[in-house]
PDB file of N, CA and C in Angstrom:
ATOM      1  N   LEU A   1      59.077 147.627  14.931  1.00  0.00           N
ATOM      2  CA  LEU A   1      59.033 146.346  14.254  1.00  0.00           C
ATOM      3  C   LEU A   1      57.904 145.506  14.815  1.00  0.00           C
ATOM      4  N   SER A   2      57.329 144.720  13.965  1.00  0.00           N
ATOM      5  CA  SER A   2      56.266 143.861  14.452  1.00  0.00           C
ATOM      6  C   SER A   2      56.802 142.715  15.298  1.00  0.00           C
ATOM      7  N   ARG A   3      58.074 142.398  15.155  1.00  0.00           N
ATOM      8  CA  ARG A   3      58.750 141.408  16.004  1.00  0.00           C
ATOM      9  C   ARG A   3      60.243 141.705  15.950  1.00  0.00           C
ATOM     10  N   SER A   4      60.976 141.320  16.978  1.00  0.00           N
ATOM     11  CA  SER A   4      62.393 141.673  17.029  1.00  0.00           C
ATOM     12  C   SER A   4      63.310 140.548  16.553  1.00  0.00           C
ATOM     13  N   VAL A   5      62.798 139.320  16.447  1.00  0.00           N
ATOM     14  CA  VAL A   5      63.570 138.196  15.911  1.00  0.00           C
ATOM     15  C   VAL A   5      62.820 137.677  14.698  1.00  0.00           C
ATOM     16  N   PHE A   6      63.503 137.608  13.561  1.00  0.00           N
ATOM     17  CA  PHE A   6      62.803 137.107  12.396  1.00  0.00           C
ATOM     18  C   PHE A   6      63.746 136.460  11.402  1.00  0.00           C
ATOM     19  N   THR A   7      63.161 135.650  10.507  1.00  0.00           N
ATOM     20  CA  THR A   7      63.929 134.938   9.492  1.00  0.00           C
ATOM     21  C   THR A   7      63.562 135.412   8.087  1.00  0.00           C
ATOM     22  N   GLY A   8      62.346 135.801   7.867  1.00  0.00           N
ATOM     23  CA  GLY A   8      61.897 136.182   6.526  1.00  0.00           C
ATOM     24  C   GLY A   8      61.819 137.672   6.327  1.00  0.00           C
ATOM     25  N   SER A   9      60.746 138.248   6.795  1.00  0.00           N
ATOM     26  CA  SER A   9      60.577 139.690   6.678  1.00  0.00           C
ATOM     27  C   SER A   9      59.786 140.197   7.875  1.00  0.00           C
ATOM     28  N   SER A  10      59.828 141.493   8.049  1.00  0.00           N
ATOM     29  CA  SER A  10      59.104 142.123   9.143  1.00  0.00           C
ATOM     30  C   SER A  10      58.641 143.491   8.675  1.00  0.00           C
ATOM     31  N   VAL A  11      57.701 144.052   9.397  1.00  0.00           N
ATOM     32  CA  VAL A  11      57.144 145.356   9.036  1.00  0.00           C
ATOM     33  C   VAL A  11      57.488 146.364  10.116  1.00  0.00           C
ATOM     34  N   LEU A  12      58.065 147.458   9.694  1.00  0.00           N
ATOM     35  CA  LEU A  12      58.342 148.579  10.583  1.00  0.00           C
ATOM     36  C   LEU A  12      57.217 149.583  10.393  1.00  0.00           C
ATOM     37  N   LYS A  13      56.519 149.898  11.476  1.00  0.00           N
ATOM     38  CA  LYS A  13      55.423 150.866  11.424  1.00  0.00           C
ATOM     39  C   LYS A  13      55.815 152.087  12.233  1.00  0.00           C
ATOM     40  N   TYR A  14      55.552 153.256  11.681  1.00  0.00           N
ATOM     41  CA  TYR A  14      55.795 154.478  12.434  1.00  0.00           C
ATOM     42  C   TYR A  14      54.775 155.531  12.055  1.00  0.00           C
ATOM     43  N   GLN A  15      54.600 156.479  12.957  1.00  0.00           N
ATOM     44  CA  GLN A  15      53.612 157.528  12.770  1.00  0.00           C
ATOM     45  C   GLN A  15      54.256 158.881  13.032  1.00  0.00           C
ATOM     46  N   LEU A  16      53.924 159.827  12.193  1.00  0.00           N
ATOM     47  CA  LEU A  16      54.399 161.197  12.370  1.00  0.00           C
ATOM     48  C   LEU A  16      53.208 162.101  12.653  1.00  0.00           C
ATOM     49  N   PRO A  17      53.224 162.830  13.776  1.00  0.00           N
ATOM     50  CA  PRO A  17      52.103 163.708  14.094  1.00  0.00           C
ATOM     51  C   PRO A  17      52.077 164.961  13.207  1.00  0.00           C
ATOM     52  N   ARG A  18      53.237 165.311  12.626  1.00  0.00           N
ATOM     53  CA  ARG A  18      53.317 166.460  11.725  1.00  0.00           C
ATOM     54  C   ARG A  18      54.470 166.222  10.745  1.00  0.00           C
ATOM     55  N   GLU A  19      54.513 166.998   9.701  1.00  0.00           N
ATOM     56  CA  GLU A  19      55.584 166.877   8.719  1.00  0.00           C
ATOM     57  C   GLU A  19      56.938 166.980   9.414  1.00  0.00           C
ATOM     58  N   SER A  20      57.855 166.116   9.026  1.00  0.00           N
ATOM     59  CA  SER A  20      59.134 166.060   9.716  1.00  0.00           C
ATOM     60  C   SER A  20      60.210 165.490   8.792  1.00  0.00           C
ATOM     61  N   ASP A  21      61.438 165.902   9.028  1.00  0.00           N
ATOM     62  CA  ASP A  21      62.586 165.296   8.362  1.00  0.00           C
ATOM     63  C   ASP A  21      62.850 163.960   9.060  1.00  0.00           C
ATOM     64  N   VAL A  22      62.845 162.862   8.318  1.00  0.00           N
ATOM     65  CA  VAL A  22      62.943 161.521   8.900  1.00  0.00           C
ATOM     66  C   VAL A  22      64.149 160.792   8.319  1.00  0.00           C
ATOM     67  N   ASP A  23      64.857 160.086   9.182  1.00  0.00           N
ATOM     68  CA  ASP A  23      65.954 159.234   8.769  1.00  0.00           C
ATOM     69  C   ASP A  23      65.803 157.903   9.500  1.00  0.00           C
ATOM     70  N   ILE A  24      65.671 156.816   8.751  1.00  0.00           N
ATOM     71  CA  ILE A  24      65.598 155.480   9.332  1.00  0.00           C
ATOM     72  C   ILE A  24      66.706 154.655   8.701  1.00  0.00           C
ATOM     73  N   SER A  25      67.605 154.142   9.545  1.00  0.00           N
ATOM     74  CA  SER A  25      68.749 153.388   9.068  1.00  0.00           C
ATOM     75  C   SER A  25      68.933 152.118   9.880  1.00  0.00           C
ATOM     76  N   ILE A  26      69.578 151.138   9.271  1.00  0.00           N
ATOM     77  CA  ILE A  26      69.912 149.882   9.940  1.00  0.00           C
ATOM     78  C   ILE A  26      71.421 149.855  10.159  1.00  0.00           C
ATOM     79  N   TYR A  27      71.819 149.509  11.390  1.00  0.00           N
ATOM     80  CA  TYR A  27      73.225 149.446  11.780  1.00  0.00           C
ATOM     81  C   TYR A  27      73.561 148.037  12.237  1.00  0.00           C
ATOM     82  N   ASP A  28      74.778 147.589  11.946  1.00  0.00           N
ATOM     83  CA  ASP A  28      75.200 146.289  12.456  1.00  0.00           C
ATOM     84  C   ASP A  28      75.660 146.439  13.909  1.00  0.00           C
ATOM     85  N   ILE A  29      76.041 145.349  14.513  1.00  0.00           N
ATOM     86  CA  ILE A  29      76.379 145.328  15.945  1.00  0.00           C
ATOM     87  C   ILE A  29      77.587 146.223  16.262  1.00  0.00           C
ATOM     88  N   SER A  30      78.437 146.482  15.271  1.00  0.00           N
ATOM     89  CA  SER A  30      79.605 147.344  15.503  1.00  0.00           C
ATOM     90  C   SER A  30      79.285 148.825  15.308  1.00  0.00           C
ATOM     91  N   GLY A  31      78.038 149.117  14.936  1.00  0.00           N
ATOM     92  CA  GLY A  31      77.630 150.511  14.768  1.00  0.00           C
ATOM     93  C   GLY A  31      77.782 151.043  13.354  1.00  0.00           C
ATOM     94  N   ARG A  32      78.157 150.193  12.419  1.00  0.00           N
ATOM     95  CA  ARG A  32      78.314 150.599  11.022  1.00  0.00           C
ATOM     96  C   ARG A  32      76.948 150.587  10.327  1.00  0.00           C
ATOM     97  N   MET A  33      76.601 151.680   9.654  1.00  0.00           N
ATOM     98  CA  MET A  33      75.334 151.719   8.933  1.00  0.00           C
ATOM     99  C   MET A  33      75.415 150.778   7.732  1.00  0.00           C
ATOM    100  N   VAL A  34      74.436 149.872   7.620  1.00  0.00           N
ATOM    101  CA  VAL A  34      74.419 148.920   6.515  1.00  0.00           C
ATOM    102  C   VAL A  34      73.329 149.237   5.495  1.00  0.00           C
ATOM    103  N   ASN A  35      72.349 150.049   5.888  1.00  0.00           N
ATOM    104  CA  ASN A  35      71.282 150.414   4.961  1.00  0.00           C
ATOM    105  C   ASN A  35      70.548 151.647   5.480  1.00  0.00           C
ATOM    106  N   ASN A  36      70.291 152.575   4.583  1.00  0.00           N
ATOM    107  CA  ASN A  36      69.445 153.724   4.904  1.00  0.00           C
ATOM    108  C   ASN A  36      68.111 153.477   4.228  1.00  0.00           C
ATOM    109  N   ILE A  37      67.068 153.298   5.032  1.00  0.00           N
ATOM    110  CA  ILE A  37      65.758 152.914   4.510  1.00  0.00           C
ATOM    111  C   ILE A  37      64.930 154.126   4.095  1.00  0.00           C
ATOM    112  N   VAL A  38      64.938 155.164   4.938  1.00  0.00           N
ATOM    113  CA  VAL A  38      64.166 156.374   4.682  1.00  0.00           C
ATOM    114  C   VAL A  38      65.062 157.570   4.969  1.00  0.00           C
ATOM    115  N   SER A  39      65.010 158.546   4.092  1.00  0.00           N
ATOM    116  CA  SER A  39      65.754 159.777   4.321  1.00  0.00           C
ATOM    117  C   SER A  39      65.035 160.907   3.598  1.00  0.00           C
ATOM    118  N   GLY A  40      64.558 161.872   4.366  1.00  0.00           N
ATOM    119  CA  GLY A  40      63.888 163.015   3.748  1.00  0.00           C
ATOM    120  C   GLY A  40      62.678 163.462   4.518  1.00  0.00           C
ATOM    121  N   VAL A  41      62.034 164.467   4.008  1.00  0.00           N
ATOM    122  CA  VAL A  41      60.852 165.040   4.650  1.00  0.00           C
ATOM    123  C   VAL A  41      59.635 164.184   4.324  1.00  0.00           C
ATOM    124  N   LYS A  42      58.889 163.832   5.359  1.00  0.00           N
ATOM    125  CA  LYS A  42      57.656 163.056   5.217  1.00  0.00           C
ATOM    126  C   LYS A  42      56.500 163.836   5.825  1.00  0.00           C
ATOM    127  N   LYS A  43      55.350 163.739   5.200  1.00  0.00           N
ATOM    128  CA  LYS A  43      54.153 164.402   5.727  1.00  0.00           C
ATOM    129  C   LYS A  43      53.629 163.643   6.935  1.00  0.00           C
ATOM    130  N   ALA A  44      52.789 164.292   7.713  1.00  0.00           N
ATOM    131  CA  ALA A  44      52.143 163.634   8.854  1.00  0.00           C
ATOM    132  C   ALA A  44      51.373 162.420   8.355  1.00  0.00           C
ATOM    133  N   GLY A  45      51.411 161.348   9.148  1.00  0.00           N
ATOM    134  CA  GLY A  45      50.680 160.154   8.751  1.00  0.00           C
ATOM    135  C   GLY A  45      51.289 158.899   9.331  1.00  0.00           C
ATOM    136  N   ILE A  46      50.709 157.773   8.933  1.00  0.00           N
ATOM    137  CA  ILE A  46      51.159 156.461   9.382  1.00  0.00           C
ATOM    138  C   ILE A  46      51.850 155.791   8.198  1.00  0.00           C
ATOM    139  N   TYR A  47      53.023 155.217   8.474  1.00  0.00           N
ATOM    140  CA  TYR A  47      53.832 154.594   7.435  1.00  0.00           C
ATOM    141  C   TYR A  47      54.177 153.167   7.817  1.00  0.00           C
ATOM    142  N   LYS A  48      54.342 152.321   6.792  1.00  0.00           N
ATOM    143  CA  LYS A  48      54.780 150.936   6.982  1.00  0.00           C
ATOM    144  C   LYS A  48      55.905 150.661   5.993  1.00  0.00           C
ATOM    145  N   ILE A  49      56.962 149.998   6.499  1.00  0.00           N
ATOM    146  CA  ILE A  49      58.095 149.641   5.658  1.00  0.00           C
ATOM    147  C   ILE A  49      58.352 148.149   5.837  1.00  0.00           C
ATOM    148  N   ASN A  50      58.440 147.421   4.742  1.00  0.00           N
ATOM    149  CA  ASN A  50      58.793 146.002   4.803  1.00  0.00           C
ATOM    150  C   ASN A  50      60.303 145.862   4.838  1.00  0.00           C
ATOM    151  N   ILE A  51      60.788 145.052   5.773  1.00  0.00           N
ATOM    152  CA  ILE A  51      62.215 144.779   5.880  1.00  0.00           C
ATOM    153  C   ILE A  51      62.420 143.308   5.534  1.00  0.00           C
ATOM    154  N   ASN A  52      63.218 143.049   4.515  1.00  0.00           N
ATOM    155  CA  ASN A  52      63.472 141.701   4.038  1.00  0.00           C
ATOM    156  C   ASN A  52      64.770 141.196   4.667  1.00  0.00           C
ATOM    157  N   ALA A  53      64.683 140.194   5.528  1.00  0.00           N
ATOM    158  CA  ALA A  53      65.852 139.664   6.239  1.00  0.00           C
ATOM    159  C   ALA A  53      66.845 138.978   5.308  1.00  0.00           C
ATOM    160  N   SER A  54      66.412 138.559   4.136  1.00  0.00           N
ATOM    161  CA  SER A  54      67.335 137.874   3.225  1.00  0.00           C
ATOM    162  C   SER A  54      68.422 138.819   2.710  1.00  0.00           C
ATOM    163  N   ASN A  55      68.243 140.121   2.897  1.00  0.00           N
ATOM    164  CA  ASN A  55      69.250 141.101   2.477  1.00  0.00           C
ATOM    165  C   ASN A  55      70.390 141.240   3.492  1.00  0.00           C
ATOM    166  N   TYR A  56      70.288 140.545   4.640  1.00  0.00           N
ATOM    167  CA  TYR A  56      71.260 140.705   5.714  1.00  0.00           C
ATOM    168  C   TYR A  56      71.768 139.349   6.184  1.00  0.00           C
ATOM    169  N   SER A  57      72.985 139.332   6.671  1.00  0.00           N
ATOM    170  CA  SER A  57      73.535 138.124   7.288  1.00  0.00           C
ATOM    171  C   SER A  57      72.864 137.906   8.636  1.00  0.00           C
ATOM    172  N   ALA A  58      72.890 136.678   9.130  1.00  0.00           N
ATOM    173  CA  ALA A  58      72.353 136.401  10.463  1.00  0.00           C
ATOM    174  C   ALA A  58      73.127 137.227  11.484  1.00  0.00           C
ATOM    175  N   GLY A  59      72.419 137.711  12.496  1.00  0.00           N
ATOM    176  CA  GLY A  59      73.079 138.493  13.536  1.00  0.00           C
ATOM    177  C   GLY A  59      72.159 139.533  14.127  1.00  0.00           C
ATOM    178  N   THR A  60      72.742 140.399  14.938  1.00  0.00           N
ATOM    179  CA  THR A  60      71.996 141.457  15.615  1.00  0.00           C
ATOM    180  C   THR A  60      72.236 142.785  14.911  1.00  0.00           C
ATOM    181  N   TYR A  61      71.154 143.507  14.713  1.00  0.00           N
ATOM    182  CA  TYR A  61      71.189 144.811  14.062  1.00  0.00           C
ATOM    183  C   TYR A  61      70.362 145.795  14.896  1.00  0.00           C
ATOM    184  N   PHE A  62      70.530 147.053  14.609  1.00  0.00           N
ATOM    185  CA  PHE A  62      69.731 148.092  15.248  1.00  0.00           C
ATOM    186  C   PHE A  62      69.090 148.949  14.167  1.00  0.00           C
ATOM    187  N   ILE A  63      67.805 149.209  14.338  1.00  0.00           N
ATOM    188  CA  ILE A  63      67.099 150.123  13.454  1.00  0.00           C
ATOM    189  C   ILE A  63      66.952 151.433  14.217  1.00  0.00           C
ATOM    190  N   ARG A  64      67.457 152.506  13.638  1.00  0.00           N
ATOM    191  CA  ARG A  64      67.394 153.805  14.301  1.00  0.00           C
ATOM    192  C   ARG A  64      66.521 154.743  13.484  1.00  0.00           C
ATOM    193  N   MET A  65      65.548 155.339  14.170  1.00  0.00           N
ATOM    194  CA  MET A  65      64.680 156.331  13.548  1.00  0.00           C
ATOM    195  C   MET A  65      64.936 157.669  14.199  1.00  0.00           C
ATOM    196  N   LYS A  66      65.257 158.653  13.362  1.00  0.00           N
ATOM    197  CA  LYS A  66      65.437 160.023  13.841  1.00  0.00           C
ATOM    198  C   LYS A  66      64.480 160.922  13.074  1.00  0.00           C
ATOM    199  N   SER A  67      63.847 161.817  13.803  1.00  0.00           N
ATOM    200  CA  SER A  67      63.026 162.845  13.175  1.00  0.00           C
ATOM    201  C   SER A  67      63.298 164.153  13.907  1.00  0.00           C
ATOM    202  N   ASP A  68      62.550 165.185  13.564  1.00  0.00           N
ATOM    203  CA  ASP A  68      62.761 166.483  14.204  1.00  0.00           C
ATOM    204  C   ASP A  68      62.598 166.426  15.722  1.00  0.00           C
ATOM    205  N   GLU A  69      61.720 165.533  16.203  1.00  0.00           N
ATOM    206  CA  GLU A  69      61.418 165.485  17.636  1.00  0.00           C
ATOM    207  C   GLU A  69      61.652 164.120  18.268  1.00  0.00           C
ATOM    208  N   TYR A  70      62.248 163.186  17.539  1.00  0.00           N
ATOM    209  CA  TYR A  70      62.295 161.802  18.012  1.00  0.00           C
ATOM    210  C   TYR A  70      63.614 161.164  17.590  1.00  0.00           C
ATOM    211  N   ASP A  71      64.192 160.373  18.491  1.00  0.00           N
ATOM    212  CA  ASP A  71      65.402 159.617  18.175  1.00  0.00           C
ATOM    213  C   ASP A  71      65.343 158.326  18.981  1.00  0.00           C
ATOM    214  N   HIS A  72      65.189 157.194  18.288  1.00  0.00           N
ATOM    215  CA  HIS A  72      65.001 155.923  18.986  1.00  0.00           C
ATOM    216  C   HIS A  72      65.649 154.809  18.174  1.00  0.00           C
ATOM    217  N   ALA A  73      66.255 153.865  18.868  1.00  0.00           N
ATOM    218  CA  ALA A  73      66.827 152.681  18.224  1.00  0.00           C
ATOM    219  C   ALA A  73      66.178 151.438  18.816  1.00  0.00           C
ATOM    220  N   GLU A  74      65.980 150.443  17.962  1.00  0.00           N
ATOM    221  CA  GLU A  74      65.384 149.188  18.394  1.00  0.00           C
ATOM    222  C   GLU A  74      66.214 148.036  17.832  1.00  0.00           C
ATOM    223  N   ARG A  75      66.428 147.026  18.643  1.00  0.00           N
ATOM    224  CA  ARG A  75      67.232 145.881  18.235  1.00  0.00           C
ATOM    225  C   ARG A  75      66.396 144.904  17.422  1.00  0.00           C
ATOM    226  N   MET A  76      67.035 144.310  16.413  1.00  0.00           N
ATOM    227  CA  MET A  76      66.398 143.210  15.671  1.00  0.00           C
ATOM    228  C   MET A  76      67.454 142.134  15.467  1.00  0.00           C
ATOM    229  N   THR A  77      67.033 140.891  15.578  1.00  0.00           N
ATOM    230  CA  THR A  77      67.936 139.764  15.404  1.00  0.00           C
ATOM    231  C   THR A  77      67.451 138.932  14.233  1.00  0.00           C
ATOM    232  N   ILE A  78      68.345 138.646  13.329  1.00  0.00           N
ATOM    233  CA  ILE A  78      68.040 137.841  12.164  1.00  0.00           C
ATOM    234  C   ILE A  78      68.658 136.459  12.359  1.00  0.00           C
ATOM    235  N   VAL A  79      67.826 135.426  12.248  1.00  0.00           N
ATOM    236  CA  VAL A  79      68.294 134.054  12.416  1.00  0.00           C
ATOM    237  C   VAL A  79      68.073 133.299  11.105  1.00  0.00           C
ATOM    238  N   ARG A  80      68.877 132.298  10.904  1.00  0.00           N
ATOM    239  CA  ARG A  80      68.751 131.455   9.689  1.00  0.00           C
ATOM    240  C   ARG A  80      68.361 130.056  10.082  1.00  0.00           C
TER     241      ARG A  80
END
């Protein structure tokens, strides 16, 4: 994410060194998936995804990216 606290929108940037099965999802603080942003095989390259905070209630969320070789979660906080 370009920033971890936001009110409007933010950009998630990621890069794949080779073709990979990718899953990017947003989870609420209790661990419940609230949105699946990307799911499927993606070619090598650089990607950008816009995340619109107006689609979510204020609070803390986690964005988790899983690929064939990578699994990482990052916190984001939405404020009103």
